[in-house]
Structure formats: C-alpha cells, structure tokens
N, C-alpha and C. Protein backbone atom coordinates (compact mmCIF):
# COMPACT_ATOMS: atom_id res chain seq x y z
N GLN A 1 0.84 71.69 -49.39
CA GLN A 1 1.65 71.05 -48.36
C GLN A 1 0.78 70.15 -47.49
N VAL A 2 1.30 68.97 -47.15
CA VAL A 2 0.60 68.01 -46.30
C VAL A 2 1.51 67.66 -45.13
N GLN A 3 0.95 67.71 -43.95
CA GLN A 3 1.69 67.26 -42.77
C GLN A 3 1.09 65.93 -42.32
N LEU A 4 1.96 64.98 -42.04
CA LEU A 4 1.54 63.65 -41.62
C LEU A 4 2.08 63.37 -40.23
N VAL A 5 1.19 62.99 -39.32
CA VAL A 5 1.59 62.70 -37.95
C VAL A 5 1.15 61.28 -37.61
N GLN A 6 2.11 60.47 -37.28
CA GLN A 6 1.86 59.06 -37.00
C GLN A 6 1.66 58.79 -35.52
N SER A 7 0.90 57.73 -35.24
CA SER A 7 0.76 57.24 -33.88
C SER A 7 0.61 55.73 -33.93
N GLY A 8 0.82 55.11 -32.79
CA GLY A 8 0.78 53.66 -32.71
C GLY A 8 2.18 53.10 -32.68
N GLY A 9 2.29 51.82 -32.85
CA GLY A 9 3.59 51.17 -32.80
C GLY A 9 3.93 50.74 -31.39
N GLY A 10 5.12 50.17 -31.25
CA GLY A 10 5.58 49.73 -29.95
C GLY A 10 6.18 48.35 -30.00
N LEU A 11 6.29 47.76 -28.83
CA LEU A 11 6.90 46.44 -28.67
C LEU A 11 5.80 45.41 -28.39
N VAL A 12 5.74 44.37 -29.22
CA VAL A 12 4.75 43.31 -29.04
C VAL A 12 5.42 41.96 -29.22
N GLN A 13 4.68 40.92 -28.91
CA GLN A 13 5.17 39.57 -29.11
C GLN A 13 4.67 39.02 -30.45
N ALA A 14 5.37 38.04 -30.95
CA ALA A 14 4.96 37.39 -32.19
C ALA A 14 3.53 36.88 -32.06
N GLY A 15 2.73 37.12 -33.10
CA GLY A 15 1.35 36.72 -33.09
C GLY A 15 0.39 37.82 -32.65
N ASP A 16 0.92 38.86 -32.05
CA ASP A 16 0.09 39.97 -31.59
C ASP A 16 -0.32 40.87 -32.76
N SER A 17 -1.16 41.84 -32.42
CA SER A 17 -1.63 42.81 -33.41
C SER A 17 -1.30 44.22 -32.97
N LEU A 18 -1.17 45.09 -33.94
CA LEU A 18 -0.97 46.51 -33.70
C LEU A 18 -1.70 47.28 -34.79
N ARG A 19 -2.08 48.51 -34.46
CA ARG A 19 -2.64 49.39 -35.47
C ARG A 19 -1.86 50.70 -35.48
N LEU A 20 -1.41 51.06 -36.66
CA LEU A 20 -0.76 52.34 -36.86
C LEU A 20 -1.75 53.33 -37.45
N SER A 21 -1.63 54.58 -37.05
CA SER A 21 -2.48 55.63 -37.60
C SER A 21 -1.61 56.75 -38.14
N CYS A 22 -2.14 57.43 -39.13
CA CYS A 22 -1.43 58.55 -39.74
C CYS A 22 -2.45 59.63 -40.05
N ALA A 23 -2.38 60.72 -39.33
CA ALA A 23 -3.32 61.82 -39.49
C ALA A 23 -2.71 62.90 -40.37
N ALA A 24 -3.48 63.35 -41.33
CA ALA A 24 -3.00 64.34 -42.29
C ALA A 24 -3.67 65.68 -42.06
N SER A 25 -2.91 66.72 -42.27
CA SER A 25 -3.46 68.07 -42.25
C SER A 25 -2.93 68.81 -43.47
N GLY A 26 -3.56 69.90 -43.77
CA GLY A 26 -3.12 70.65 -44.92
C GLY A 26 -4.10 70.51 -46.07
N ARG A 27 -3.58 70.24 -47.25
CA ARG A 27 -4.43 70.17 -48.42
C ARG A 27 -5.30 68.93 -48.42
N THR A 28 -6.22 68.85 -49.33
CA THR A 28 -7.27 67.84 -49.36
C THR A 28 -6.69 66.43 -49.31
N PHE A 29 -7.00 65.76 -48.24
CA PHE A 29 -6.47 64.42 -47.99
C PHE A 29 -6.88 63.46 -49.10
N SER A 30 -8.11 63.56 -49.55
CA SER A 30 -8.62 62.62 -50.54
C SER A 30 -7.97 62.79 -51.91
N SER A 31 -7.11 63.77 -52.07
CA SER A 31 -6.36 63.95 -53.32
C SER A 31 -5.13 63.08 -53.39
N TYR A 32 -4.81 62.40 -52.30
CA TYR A 32 -3.54 61.69 -52.20
C TYR A 32 -3.72 60.20 -52.03
N ALA A 33 -2.98 59.45 -52.82
CA ALA A 33 -2.78 58.05 -52.50
C ALA A 33 -1.86 57.97 -51.30
N MET A 34 -2.08 56.98 -50.46
CA MET A 34 -1.30 56.85 -49.24
C MET A 34 -0.58 55.51 -49.21
N GLY A 35 0.57 55.53 -48.59
CA GLY A 35 1.33 54.30 -48.46
C GLY A 35 1.92 54.16 -47.08
N TRP A 36 2.11 52.92 -46.69
CA TRP A 36 2.87 52.60 -45.48
C TRP A 36 4.15 51.89 -45.92
N PHE A 37 5.26 52.49 -45.54
CA PHE A 37 6.57 51.92 -45.83
C PHE A 37 7.19 51.45 -44.53
N ARG A 38 8.21 50.61 -44.67
CA ARG A 38 9.00 50.24 -43.50
C ARG A 38 10.46 50.09 -43.91
N ARG A 39 11.30 50.32 -42.91
CA ARG A 39 12.73 50.14 -43.12
C ARG A 39 13.30 49.36 -41.95
N ALA A 40 13.75 48.17 -42.25
CA ALA A 40 14.40 47.34 -41.24
C ALA A 40 15.90 47.63 -41.28
N PRO A 41 16.61 47.38 -40.18
CA PRO A 41 18.05 47.63 -40.17
C PRO A 41 18.75 46.89 -41.30
N GLY A 42 19.55 47.62 -42.04
CA GLY A 42 20.30 47.02 -43.13
C GLY A 42 19.53 46.89 -44.43
N ASN A 43 18.26 47.26 -44.40
CA ASN A 43 17.42 47.14 -45.60
C ASN A 43 17.01 48.51 -46.10
N GLU A 44 16.58 48.53 -47.34
CA GLU A 44 16.03 49.75 -47.90
C GLU A 44 14.57 49.90 -47.50
N ARG A 45 14.08 51.11 -47.62
CA ARG A 45 12.67 51.36 -47.33
C ARG A 45 11.81 50.67 -48.38
N GLU A 46 10.80 49.94 -47.92
CA GLU A 46 9.94 49.21 -48.83
C GLU A 46 8.48 49.54 -48.55
N LEU A 47 7.69 49.51 -49.61
CA LEU A 47 6.26 49.71 -49.46
C LEU A 47 5.63 48.41 -48.99
N VAL A 48 4.91 48.47 -47.89
CA VAL A 48 4.20 47.27 -47.43
C VAL A 48 2.73 47.31 -47.81
N ALA A 49 2.15 48.52 -47.89
CA ALA A 49 0.73 48.63 -48.26
C ALA A 49 0.48 50.02 -48.81
N GLY A 50 -0.39 50.09 -49.80
CA GLY A 50 -0.80 51.37 -50.36
C GLY A 50 -2.29 51.37 -50.60
N ILE A 51 -2.88 52.55 -50.59
CA ILE A 51 -4.31 52.66 -50.79
C ILE A 51 -4.60 53.85 -51.70
N SER A 52 -5.58 53.66 -52.56
CA SER A 52 -5.92 54.70 -53.52
C SER A 52 -6.63 55.87 -52.83
N ARG A 53 -6.82 56.92 -53.59
CA ARG A 53 -7.42 58.13 -53.04
C ARG A 53 -8.82 57.88 -52.47
N SER A 54 -9.59 57.07 -53.16
CA SER A 54 -10.96 56.78 -52.71
C SER A 54 -11.01 55.67 -51.68
N GLY A 55 -9.95 54.89 -51.60
CA GLY A 55 -9.94 53.74 -50.72
C GLY A 55 -10.42 52.46 -51.37
N ASP A 56 -10.76 52.54 -52.66
CA ASP A 56 -11.32 51.37 -53.34
C ASP A 56 -10.27 50.35 -53.74
N ASN A 57 -9.04 50.80 -53.87
CA ASN A 57 -7.97 49.90 -54.30
C ASN A 57 -6.83 49.91 -53.30
N ALA A 58 -6.25 48.74 -53.11
CA ALA A 58 -5.13 48.61 -52.19
C ALA A 58 -4.07 47.70 -52.78
N TYR A 59 -2.86 47.96 -52.33
CA TYR A 59 -1.71 47.13 -52.71
C TYR A 59 -1.06 46.60 -51.44
N TYR A 60 -0.60 45.35 -51.51
CA TYR A 60 0.11 44.77 -50.37
C TYR A 60 1.37 44.06 -50.88
N ALA A 61 2.43 44.22 -50.13
CA ALA A 61 3.61 43.42 -50.39
C ALA A 61 3.30 41.97 -50.07
N SER A 62 3.92 41.08 -50.78
CA SER A 62 3.64 39.66 -50.58
C SER A 62 3.95 39.21 -49.15
N SER A 63 4.91 39.88 -48.53
CA SER A 63 5.31 39.49 -47.18
C SER A 63 4.26 39.79 -46.11
N VAL A 64 3.31 40.66 -46.44
CA VAL A 64 2.29 41.04 -45.45
C VAL A 64 0.88 40.70 -45.91
N GLN A 65 0.76 40.24 -47.15
CA GLN A 65 -0.55 39.91 -47.69
C GLN A 65 -1.28 38.94 -46.77
N GLY A 66 -2.53 39.25 -46.45
CA GLY A 66 -3.34 38.41 -45.59
C GLY A 66 -3.17 38.68 -44.10
N ARG A 67 -2.16 39.47 -43.74
CA ARG A 67 -1.93 39.80 -42.32
C ARG A 67 -2.15 41.28 -42.03
N PHE A 68 -1.81 42.12 -42.98
CA PHE A 68 -1.94 43.57 -42.80
C PHE A 68 -3.12 44.07 -43.63
N THR A 69 -3.77 45.10 -43.10
CA THR A 69 -4.86 45.75 -43.83
C THR A 69 -4.69 47.25 -43.75
N ILE A 70 -4.69 47.89 -44.92
CA ILE A 70 -4.63 49.34 -44.97
C ILE A 70 -6.04 49.87 -45.20
N SER A 71 -6.36 50.96 -44.55
CA SER A 71 -7.67 51.59 -44.75
C SER A 71 -7.51 53.08 -44.55
N ARG A 72 -8.52 53.82 -44.95
CA ARG A 72 -8.48 55.26 -44.79
C ARG A 72 -9.87 55.78 -44.49
N ASP A 73 -9.88 56.89 -43.79
CA ASP A 73 -11.12 57.61 -43.50
C ASP A 73 -10.93 59.03 -44.00
N ASN A 74 -11.46 59.31 -45.16
CA ASN A 74 -11.25 60.63 -45.76
C ASN A 74 -11.97 61.73 -44.99
N ALA A 75 -13.00 61.39 -44.27
CA ALA A 75 -13.68 62.39 -43.46
C ALA A 75 -12.84 62.79 -42.25
N GLU A 76 -12.01 61.85 -41.79
CA GLU A 76 -11.14 62.11 -40.63
C GLU A 76 -9.69 62.38 -41.03
N ASN A 77 -9.43 62.38 -42.33
CA ASN A 77 -8.07 62.64 -42.84
C ASN A 77 -7.03 61.71 -42.22
N THR A 78 -7.39 60.44 -42.14
CA THR A 78 -6.52 59.49 -41.47
C THR A 78 -6.41 58.19 -42.28
N VAL A 79 -5.23 57.63 -42.29
CA VAL A 79 -4.99 56.33 -42.87
C VAL A 79 -4.47 55.40 -41.77
N TYR A 80 -4.86 54.15 -41.88
CA TYR A 80 -4.54 53.17 -40.85
C TYR A 80 -3.80 51.97 -41.46
N LEU A 81 -3.02 51.33 -40.63
CA LEU A 81 -2.43 50.05 -41.00
C LEU A 81 -2.68 49.09 -39.84
N GLN A 82 -3.59 48.16 -40.06
CA GLN A 82 -3.86 47.12 -39.08
C GLN A 82 -2.93 45.96 -39.35
N MET A 83 -2.14 45.60 -38.35
CA MET A 83 -1.15 44.55 -38.52
C MET A 83 -1.48 43.41 -37.58
N ASN A 84 -1.82 42.28 -38.14
CA ASN A 84 -2.16 41.09 -37.37
C ASN A 84 -1.10 40.01 -37.56
N SER A 85 -1.10 39.05 -36.67
CA SER A 85 -0.17 37.92 -36.75
C SER A 85 1.26 38.40 -36.99
N LEU A 86 1.67 39.34 -36.19
CA LEU A 86 2.99 39.94 -36.38
C LEU A 86 4.10 38.93 -36.18
N LYS A 87 5.15 39.11 -36.95
CA LYS A 87 6.31 38.24 -36.91
C LYS A 87 7.55 39.06 -36.57
N PRO A 88 8.57 38.41 -36.04
CA PRO A 88 9.81 39.16 -35.75
C PRO A 88 10.36 39.88 -36.98
N GLU A 89 10.19 39.31 -38.15
CA GLU A 89 10.68 39.97 -39.36
C GLU A 89 9.89 41.21 -39.76
N ASP A 90 8.80 41.48 -39.06
CA ASP A 90 8.07 42.73 -39.28
C ASP A 90 8.69 43.89 -38.49
N THR A 91 9.66 43.59 -37.68
CA THR A 91 10.33 44.63 -36.91
C THR A 91 10.99 45.64 -37.84
N ALA A 92 10.62 46.91 -37.67
CA ALA A 92 11.12 47.95 -38.56
C ALA A 92 10.61 49.30 -38.08
N LEU A 93 11.15 50.33 -38.70
CA LEU A 93 10.62 51.68 -38.56
C LEU A 93 9.58 51.87 -39.66
N TYR A 94 8.37 52.21 -39.28
CA TYR A 94 7.27 52.33 -40.23
C TYR A 94 6.95 53.80 -40.49
N TYR A 95 6.72 54.10 -41.77
CA TYR A 95 6.41 55.46 -42.19
C TYR A 95 5.14 55.47 -43.02
N CYS A 96 4.31 56.48 -42.82
CA CYS A 96 3.25 56.73 -43.79
C CYS A 96 3.74 57.79 -44.76
N ALA A 97 3.17 57.76 -45.95
CA ALA A 97 3.59 58.68 -47.00
C ALA A 97 2.42 58.99 -47.91
N ALA A 98 2.48 60.14 -48.55
CA ALA A 98 1.40 60.60 -49.42
C ALA A 98 1.96 61.03 -50.76
N ARG A 99 1.19 60.77 -51.80
CA ARG A 99 1.55 61.25 -53.13
C ARG A 99 0.28 61.57 -53.91
N SER A 100 0.36 62.54 -54.80
CA SER A 100 -0.76 62.83 -55.68
C SER A 100 -0.86 61.74 -56.73
N GLY A 101 -2.08 61.36 -57.07
CA GLY A 101 -2.26 60.39 -58.13
C GLY A 101 -2.40 58.97 -57.62
N LEU A 102 -1.86 58.04 -58.37
CA LEU A 102 -2.07 56.63 -58.11
C LEU A 102 -1.04 56.07 -57.11
N ILE A 103 -1.33 54.90 -56.61
CA ILE A 103 -0.39 54.19 -55.75
C ILE A 103 0.88 53.87 -56.54
N ARG A 104 2.01 54.13 -55.92
CA ARG A 104 3.30 53.75 -56.48
C ARG A 104 4.09 53.03 -55.41
N THR A 105 5.08 52.28 -55.84
CA THR A 105 5.79 51.44 -54.87
C THR A 105 7.13 51.98 -54.43
N LYS A 106 7.66 52.99 -55.11
CA LYS A 106 8.99 53.47 -54.78
C LYS A 106 8.93 54.68 -53.84
N PRO A 107 9.80 54.71 -52.85
CA PRO A 107 9.77 55.82 -51.89
C PRO A 107 9.94 57.18 -52.55
N ASN A 108 10.77 57.26 -53.58
CA ASN A 108 11.02 58.57 -54.18
C ASN A 108 9.85 59.08 -55.00
N GLU A 109 8.79 58.29 -55.08
CA GLU A 109 7.58 58.74 -55.77
C GLU A 109 6.56 59.35 -54.81
N TYR A 110 6.92 59.41 -53.54
CA TYR A 110 6.05 60.00 -52.53
C TYR A 110 6.62 61.34 -52.07
N SER A 111 5.72 62.29 -51.91
CA SER A 111 6.15 63.66 -51.63
C SER A 111 6.19 64.02 -50.15
N TYR A 112 5.32 63.40 -49.39
CA TYR A 112 5.18 63.77 -47.98
C TYR A 112 5.32 62.53 -47.10
N TRP A 113 5.95 62.75 -45.94
CA TRP A 113 6.27 61.63 -45.06
C TRP A 113 5.92 61.94 -43.62
N GLY A 114 5.48 60.89 -42.92
CA GLY A 114 5.33 60.99 -41.49
C GLY A 114 6.67 60.88 -40.79
N GLN A 115 6.64 61.00 -39.48
CA GLN A 115 7.90 61.05 -38.71
C GLN A 115 8.49 59.67 -38.43
N GLY A 116 7.72 58.63 -38.71
CA GLY A 116 8.20 57.27 -38.45
C GLY A 116 7.84 56.80 -37.06
N THR A 117 7.55 55.53 -36.97
CA THR A 117 7.24 54.93 -35.67
C THR A 117 7.81 53.52 -35.63
N GLN A 118 8.40 53.16 -34.51
CA GLN A 118 9.07 51.88 -34.40
C GLN A 118 8.08 50.78 -34.04
N VAL A 119 8.19 49.69 -34.75
CA VAL A 119 7.45 48.46 -34.41
C VAL A 119 8.49 47.38 -34.16
N THR A 120 8.44 46.79 -32.98
CA THR A 120 9.36 45.73 -32.61
C THR A 120 8.56 44.51 -32.20
N VAL A 121 8.84 43.39 -32.85
CA VAL A 121 8.13 42.14 -32.58
C VAL A 121 9.13 41.14 -32.02
N SER A 122 8.89 40.72 -30.80
CA SER A 122 9.79 39.76 -30.16
C SER A 122 9.28 38.34 -30.40
N SER A 123 10.21 37.41 -30.43
CA SER A 123 9.84 36.01 -30.69
C SER A 123 9.52 35.27 -29.41
C-alpha cells in the first residue's frame, strides 16, 4: 500500500510558476513509476507528466512540453511537478499517482492516488 499526500497549488496569474509536491509513504517509493494527472472541468483526467522509477525517463504531454518538469527524489520519497509559464488552460485539479512498472498514460493503469490539489491560472 502507498499513501500519497500532495502539497502546493493555488491561484496564480498567467506566466507565473508553481511547484507541486507529492510525498509517498508505505512501500518502497522507488518501485513505482509516478505520474501527474489533471482534470479540467468538463474534461477527462489526463496525464501531463510521468517519470520512471529511477527518474531517468520522463514523459510529457504536448500541451506542457517545455513548460513543466517532473522530477523525483527517491531518498525523500517525493515527486515534484515544476510548472512554469502557466496559462489559463492549465487550470485544473492536479493529482499525483503511482503504479508498479513503467510509465503509462491512462488513469486506470495507476493504483494509488493523491488527494488532488487545485491550480487556477488567471489571465
């Protein structure tokens, strides 16, 4: 069992930056690929960034490529999402998630979820 607790988020203006954190407890953190998903009103949950167990490989959705950076600290059992140059269309509820094995893009392929944190970007 893995428990994920998120922090960060909030209300910012377009062009600002935010960093989300997700702290894991329970079983070995480095056994899990991690993902950051978001769900905007009226949309399905989508993967915006994923990172491999070692941190050597990352995936980014095209909509955030070059603006968002996912990273992890396996010694601290934490994964981060650095979000720069935020846009109003980045407004959503953001979730971290964990799965055993490789990065996958579908929400139903992840076993554990954080509680979600709201990010609102005003224009």
